[in-house]
Protein backbone atom coordinates (compact mmCIF):
# COMPACT_ATOMS: atom_id res chain seq x y z
CA MET A 1 -5.64 -32.69 28.54
CA ASN A 2 -2.80 -35.11 27.17
CA PRO A 3 0.51 -35.07 25.72
CA GLY A 4 -0.66 -35.16 22.30
CA LEU A 5 -2.56 -31.98 22.83
CA TYR A 6 0.12 -29.74 23.93
CA PRO A 7 3.12 -32.26 24.52
CA ASN A 8 5.21 -28.82 25.62
CA VAL A 9 4.92 -27.34 28.44
CA ALA A 10 6.64 -23.82 29.39
CA ILE A 11 6.99 -23.10 33.23
CA ILE A 12 6.99 -19.73 34.06
CA GLY A 13 7.94 -18.89 37.58
CA VAL A 14 6.88 -15.26 39.09
CA PRO A 15 8.15 -14.72 42.59
CA MET A 16 5.77 -11.72 43.44
CA ASP A 17 4.81 -10.76 46.90
CA LEU A 18 4.03 -7.19 46.46
CA GLY A 19 0.45 -7.64 45.62
CA ALA A 20 -0.23 -9.51 48.77
CA ASP A 21 2.42 -7.18 50.59
CA ARG A 22 3.22 -10.25 52.83
CA ARG A 23 6.66 -11.99 52.51
CA GLY A 24 6.82 -15.57 52.08
CA VAL A 25 4.38 -16.14 48.71
CA ASP A 26 7.27 -14.85 46.83
CA MET A 27 8.90 -18.51 47.39
CA GLY A 28 5.93 -20.35 45.96
CA PRO A 29 7.52 -21.16 42.55
CA SER A 30 10.33 -22.57 44.12
CA ALA A 31 8.26 -24.73 46.81
CA ILE A 32 5.97 -26.16 43.83
CA ARG A 33 9.38 -26.91 41.72
CA CYS A 34 10.94 -28.59 45.17
CA ALA A 35 7.42 -30.48 45.49
CA GLY A 36 8.17 -32.71 42.21
CA LEU A 37 6.47 -30.71 39.29
CA GLU A 38 9.02 -31.69 36.80
CA LYS A 39 9.04 -35.43 37.47
CA SER A 40 5.34 -35.70 37.71
CA LEU A 41 4.90 -33.71 34.40
CA LEU A 42 7.65 -35.76 32.87
CA ASN A 43 6.26 -39.24 34.17
CA LEU A 44 2.64 -38.01 32.17
CA GLY A 45 4.70 -37.53 28.79
CA TYR A 46 5.10 -33.81 28.56
CA GLN A 47 8.58 -32.18 27.50
CA LEU A 48 9.26 -29.03 29.97
CA PHE A 49 10.89 -25.93 29.20
CA ASP A 50 11.47 -24.19 32.35
CA GLN A 51 11.92 -20.60 31.73
CA GLY A 52 13.00 -19.78 35.57
CA ASP A 53 11.66 -16.92 37.26
CA LEU A 54 11.13 -13.22 36.36
CA VAL A 55 12.70 -10.55 38.36
CA VAL A 56 10.74 -8.81 41.17
CA ARG A 57 12.67 -5.88 42.37
CA ARG A 58 10.99 -5.61 45.91
CA HIS A 59 13.48 -3.61 47.59
CA ALA A 60 13.35 -0.94 44.59
CA ALA A 61 9.62 -1.37 44.97
CA THR A 62 9.57 -0.64 48.67
CA ALA A 63 11.86 2.20 48.73
CA SER A 64 9.94 4.18 46.12
CA CYS A 65 6.49 3.26 47.47
CA PRO A 66 6.08 3.02 51.10
CA SER A 67 2.70 1.30 51.91
CA PRO A 68 0.12 3.68 51.26
CA GLN A 69 -2.74 4.57 53.47
CA GLY A 70 -6.61 5.07 52.64
CA VAL A 71 -8.97 4.43 49.95
CA GLY A 72 -7.66 4.69 46.28
CA SER A 73 -4.11 4.01 47.15
CA LEU A 74 -2.35 0.95 45.26
CA LYS A 75 0.45 -0.58 46.79
CA TYR A 76 3.47 -1.04 44.63
CA LEU A 77 1.85 -0.18 41.56
CA ASP A 78 4.80 0.70 39.44
CA GLU A 79 6.78 -2.53 39.82
CA ILE A 80 3.50 -4.85 39.84
CA ALA A 81 2.78 -3.45 36.64
CA ARG A 82 6.32 -3.93 35.29
CA VAL A 83 6.35 -7.62 36.31
CA ASN A 84 3.13 -8.21 34.71
CA GLY A 85 4.29 -6.54 31.66
CA GLU A 86 7.18 -8.93 31.36
CA LEU A 87 4.91 -12.26 32.41
CA SER A 88 2.44 -11.09 29.62
CA VAL A 89 5.34 -11.08 27.08
CA ALA A 90 6.61 -14.38 28.34
CA VAL A 91 2.93 -15.97 28.08
CA ASP A 92 2.74 -14.68 24.39
CA HIS A 93 6.09 -15.97 23.69
CA ALA A 94 5.42 -19.40 24.78
CA MET A 95 2.29 -19.54 22.94
CA GLN A 96 3.66 -18.39 19.69
CA GLN A 97 6.05 -21.65 20.18
CA GLY A 98 3.25 -23.71 20.81
CA MET A 99 3.44 -24.24 24.16
CA PHE A 100 1.52 -24.55 27.06
CA PRO A 101 2.28 -22.04 29.66
CA LEU A 102 1.99 -22.98 33.25
CA VAL A 103 2.53 -20.02 35.48
CA LEU A 104 3.70 -20.16 38.94
CA GLY A 105 3.02 -17.94 41.31
CA GLY A 106 3.58 -15.71 43.68
CA ASP A 107 0.66 -13.92 44.80
CA HIS A 108 -2.54 -13.38 42.38
CA SER A 109 -1.90 -10.26 40.94
CA ILE A 110 0.19 -12.10 38.28
CA ALA A 111 -2.98 -12.93 36.60
CA ILE A 112 -3.19 -9.57 35.27
CA GLY A 113 0.13 -10.65 33.14
CA SER A 114 -0.96 -14.03 32.49
CA LEU A 115 -4.36 -13.18 30.93
CA SER A 116 -2.96 -10.34 28.91
CA GLY A 117 -0.88 -12.76 27.28
CA VAL A 118 -3.27 -15.20 26.61
CA ARG A 119 -5.15 -12.39 25.14
CA GLN A 120 -2.79 -11.99 22.29
CA HIS A 121 -3.94 -15.34 20.89
CA HIS A 122 -7.57 -15.87 21.80
CA GLU A 123 -9.55 -12.65 21.21
CA GLU A 124 -12.42 -14.72 23.25
CA VAL A 125 -10.87 -16.08 26.19
CA GLY A 126 -12.74 -18.07 28.93
CA VAL A 127 -11.62 -17.95 32.79
CA ILE A 128 -12.31 -20.30 35.68
CA TRP A 129 -11.14 -18.33 38.76
CA PHE A 130 -10.78 -21.04 41.45
CA ASP A 131 -10.46 -18.86 44.74
CA SER A 132 -11.91 -18.09 48.14
CA HIS A 133 -11.91 -14.40 46.88
CA GLY A 134 -13.25 -12.56 44.16
CA ASP A 135 -10.60 -10.56 43.53
CA VAL A 136 -12.47 -7.84 41.57
CA ASN A 137 -11.92 -4.86 43.86
CA THR A 138 -10.95 -1.72 42.65
CA ALA A 139 -8.91 1.54 44.32
CA SER A 140 -12.31 2.77 45.58
CA THR A 141 -13.31 -0.48 46.93
CA SER A 142 -10.56 -2.26 48.29
CA PRO A 143 -9.96 -2.19 52.12
CA SER A 144 -6.26 -2.69 51.92
CA GLY A 145 -4.68 -1.44 48.56
CA ASN A 146 -3.31 -4.81 47.86
CA ILE A 147 -3.27 -5.33 43.90
CA HIS A 148 -4.01 -9.29 44.34
CA GLY A 149 -7.55 -8.74 45.11
CA MET A 150 -8.03 -6.65 41.81
CA SER A 151 -6.55 -8.87 39.35
CA LEU A 152 -10.14 -10.14 37.89
CA ALA A 153 -11.26 -6.67 37.72
CA VAL A 154 -8.36 -5.59 35.77
CA ALA A 155 -8.38 -8.23 33.53
CA LEU A 156 -12.29 -7.32 32.93
CA GLY A 157 -11.00 -3.68 32.17
CA HIS A 158 -11.74 -2.18 35.57
CA GLY A 159 -8.48 -0.69 37.58
CA ASP A 160 -5.65 1.66 37.10
CA PRO A 161 -4.43 2.34 33.52
CA LYS A 162 -0.90 1.02 34.16
CA LEU A 163 -2.55 -2.19 34.94
CA THR A 164 -5.37 -2.52 32.33
CA ALA A 165 -3.32 -1.42 29.61
CA ILE A 166 -0.84 -4.19 29.89
CA GLY A 167 -1.01 -5.94 26.56
CA GLY A 168 -3.20 -3.64 25.09
CA ASP A 169 -5.78 -0.97 26.46
CA PHE A 170 -8.72 -3.10 26.40
CA PRO A 171 -10.48 -5.74 28.48
CA LYS A 172 -8.87 -9.00 28.42
CA VAL A 173 -12.15 -11.02 29.37
CA LYS A 174 -15.70 -10.52 29.27
CA PRO A 175 -17.99 -10.95 32.28
CA GLU A 176 -19.98 -13.65 30.24
CA HIS A 177 -16.74 -15.64 30.10
CA VAL A 178 -16.02 -15.83 33.53
CA ALA A 179 -16.82 -18.70 36.45
CA ILE A 180 -15.67 -18.03 40.06
CA VAL A 181 -15.71 -21.45 41.96
CA GLY A 182 -15.22 -21.72 45.70
CA ALA A 183 -15.96 -18.16 46.65
CA ARG A 184 -16.61 -17.62 50.22
CA SER A 185 -15.03 -14.19 51.22
CA LEU A 186 -16.31 -11.31 49.13
CA ASP A 187 -16.00 -7.77 50.27
CA PRO A 188 -18.75 -5.40 49.81
CA GLY A 189 -17.82 -3.60 46.90
CA GLU A 190 -16.98 -7.10 45.06
CA LYS A 191 -20.28 -8.39 45.82
CA ALA A 192 -22.20 -5.15 44.25
CA TYR A 193 -19.55 -5.70 41.23
CA LEU A 194 -20.17 -9.27 40.47
CA LYS A 195 -24.16 -8.75 40.82
CA GLN A 196 -23.95 -5.66 38.54
CA ARG A 197 -22.23 -7.39 35.56
CA GLY A 198 -23.78 -10.75 36.05
CA ILE A 199 -20.68 -12.81 36.60
CA LEU A 200 -21.19 -16.32 37.44
CA VAL A 201 -20.04 -17.16 41.07
CA PHE A 202 -20.17 -20.74 42.77
CA THR A 203 -19.76 -20.10 46.42
CA MET A 204 -19.46 -22.72 48.64
CA HIS A 205 -23.39 -22.97 49.14
CA GLU A 206 -23.76 -23.78 45.65
CA ILE A 207 -21.04 -26.39 45.78
CA ASP A 208 -22.45 -28.03 48.96
CA ARG A 209 -25.99 -28.09 47.62
CA LEU A 210 -25.30 -29.12 43.79
CA GLY A 211 -21.79 -31.03 44.23
CA MET A 212 -18.66 -30.30 42.60
CA SER A 213 -19.49 -32.39 39.45
CA ARG A 214 -22.47 -30.23 38.66
CA VAL A 215 -20.81 -27.03 39.30
CA MET A 216 -17.61 -27.96 37.10
CA GLU A 217 -20.27 -28.90 34.35
CA GLN A 218 -22.06 -25.38 34.69
CA ALA A 219 -18.76 -23.74 35.04
CA ILE A 220 -16.89 -25.27 31.81
CA GLU A 221 -20.26 -24.54 29.64
CA GLN A 222 -20.21 -21.30 30.78
CA VAL A 223 -16.36 -20.35 29.88
CA SER A 224 -16.45 -22.51 26.72
CA ARG A 225 -19.52 -21.02 25.20
CA GLY A 226 -18.38 -18.32 22.72
CA THR A 227 -14.60 -18.82 23.63
CA SER A 228 -11.70 -20.36 21.67
CA GLY A 229 -9.75 -21.13 24.92
CA VAL A 230 -10.06 -21.27 28.70
CA HIS A 231 -7.58 -20.02 31.44
CA LEU A 232 -7.54 -21.68 34.67
CA SER A 233 -6.43 -19.38 37.64
CA LEU A 234 -6.33 -21.30 40.63
CA ASP A 235 -5.63 -19.69 44.28
CA LEU A 236 -4.61 -22.54 46.68
CA ASP A 237 -6.69 -20.46 49.18
CA GLY A 238 -9.64 -21.78 47.38
CA LEU A 239 -9.10 -24.91 49.34
CA ASP A 240 -9.88 -25.39 53.15
CA PRO A 241 -6.82 -24.41 55.36
CA GLY A 242 -6.82 -28.14 56.65
CA TYR A 243 -5.45 -29.22 53.11
CA ALA A 244 -3.81 -26.05 52.13
CA PRO A 245 -2.34 -24.44 55.22
CA GLY A 246 0.42 -22.61 53.55
CA VAL A 247 -1.62 -19.70 51.89
CA GLY A 248 -1.61 -16.02 53.24
CA THR A 249 -5.14 -15.45 53.36
CA PRO A 250 -7.01 -18.78 54.56
CA VAL A 251 -10.63 -18.93 54.81
CA PRO A 252 -12.14 -21.93 56.72
CA GLY A 253 -14.96 -24.06 55.13
CA GLY A 254 -13.31 -24.41 51.77
CA LEU A 255 -12.93 -27.08 48.93
CA THR A 256 -11.60 -30.29 49.99
CA ALA A 257 -8.85 -31.86 48.12
CA ARG A 258 -11.22 -34.63 46.42
CA GLU A 259 -13.45 -31.95 45.10
CA SER A 260 -10.55 -29.96 43.77
CA PHE A 261 -9.10 -33.13 42.13
CA LEU A 262 -12.54 -33.88 40.62
CA ALA A 263 -12.39 -30.17 39.12
CA MET A 264 -8.87 -30.65 37.51
CA GLU A 265 -10.08 -33.99 36.22
CA MET A 266 -13.17 -32.50 34.48
CA LEU A 267 -11.40 -29.77 33.17
CA SER A 268 -8.56 -31.79 31.73
CA ASP A 269 -11.38 -34.06 30.22
CA ALA A 270 -13.09 -31.25 28.72
CA GLY A 271 -10.20 -30.25 26.50
CA VAL A 272 -10.68 -26.47 26.54
CA LEU A 273 -7.59 -25.11 28.52
CA VAL A 274 -4.96 -23.32 26.71
CA SER A 275 -3.35 -21.98 29.79
CA ALA A 276 -3.00 -22.23 33.41
CA GLU A 277 -1.52 -20.51 36.63
CA PHE A 278 -1.31 -21.80 40.12
CA VAL A 279 -0.55 -18.88 42.88
CA GLU A 280 -0.46 -17.61 46.70
CA ILE A 281 1.42 -20.66 48.21
CA ASN A 282 3.23 -19.23 51.13
CA PRO A 283 5.81 -21.95 52.49
CA ILE A 284 6.70 -19.98 55.40
CA LEU A 285 3.11 -20.69 56.77
CA ASP A 286 2.96 -24.35 55.05
CA HIS A 287 3.47 -27.73 57.19
CA ARG A 288 6.44 -29.55 55.33
CA ASN A 289 5.59 -28.00 52.00
CA GLN A 290 2.13 -29.84 52.36
CA THR A 291 0.62 -27.18 50.10
CA ALA A 292 3.28 -27.04 47.26
CA LYS A 293 2.74 -30.79 47.25
CA LEU A 294 -0.92 -30.71 46.89
CA ALA A 295 -0.61 -28.14 43.83
CA VAL A 296 1.88 -30.47 42.21
CA SER A 297 -0.64 -33.21 42.64
CA LEU A 298 -3.45 -30.80 41.33
CA ILE A 299 -1.41 -29.88 38.45
CA ALA A 300 -0.78 -33.75 37.39
CA SER A 301 -4.59 -34.26 37.57
CA LEU A 302 -5.22 -31.30 35.35
CA PHE A 303 -2.66 -32.75 32.95
CA GLY A 304 -4.09 -36.01 32.86
CA GLU A 305 -3.09 -38.00 35.78
CA ARG A 306 -5.57 -40.53 37.00
CA ILE A 307 -6.12 -43.34 39.36
CA LEU A 308 -6.33 -46.01 36.96
């Protein structure tokens, strides 16, 4: 990516924590902004249009929907659906204006709205899901009822109708247009789901064996084939907690910072991205905003910053 391709960037904050049912991740958009996002992108030649943050009514959601128990329960469904509906409209509007939507989370449930908005402009959209988790649980397989672990399944058309119908009652992405990078913590139901649908998954085993360069070459080729644009959904817990400690669901044995920078640089050079989101930063669990600062550096690499 470079300013000549998408000179204008719309920043959309979504302080969502209901999908993870854990406080702190709602501060993620502020943490990223405070870590120098604006200065970083301005120095690269982009014009920024910060749309501010969408409103998440946590108190109303908590009062009307106490944490449910048991298989089939979805926590805070109505409010998560409402916010994602607004996010879908915001992303759609930004793209109508010719801007690149950069969405700041918030937990990973916001990918439902991001992808729905992108789908209004790209009938066939590719997705690189940079994450330690698969996020393809459904109500029948989720051990927690947390919707941030269901967002990719919803985008693929599987989940509660209040979520799958956002932006239109149809799948927003096809299985053959998805590549998951960095997976190392998959629930049993997710393993079955991914295998049944033939979704390309690069676990840490493949990354260790092939190297990040080869993995990203294959991932970019997969999501670019037959699509008109690619969305990056990057969960900071895809990185090892040693590099990104400020996440709600850290999983040891993850990607290094250098591997992640290479992935962003290769995506940038491919020139296929039309949108991106960075999610799951929890400043309460962070060390001096280390994870948010890393996120800003990764965003800069994605937008064209290089060592030389």
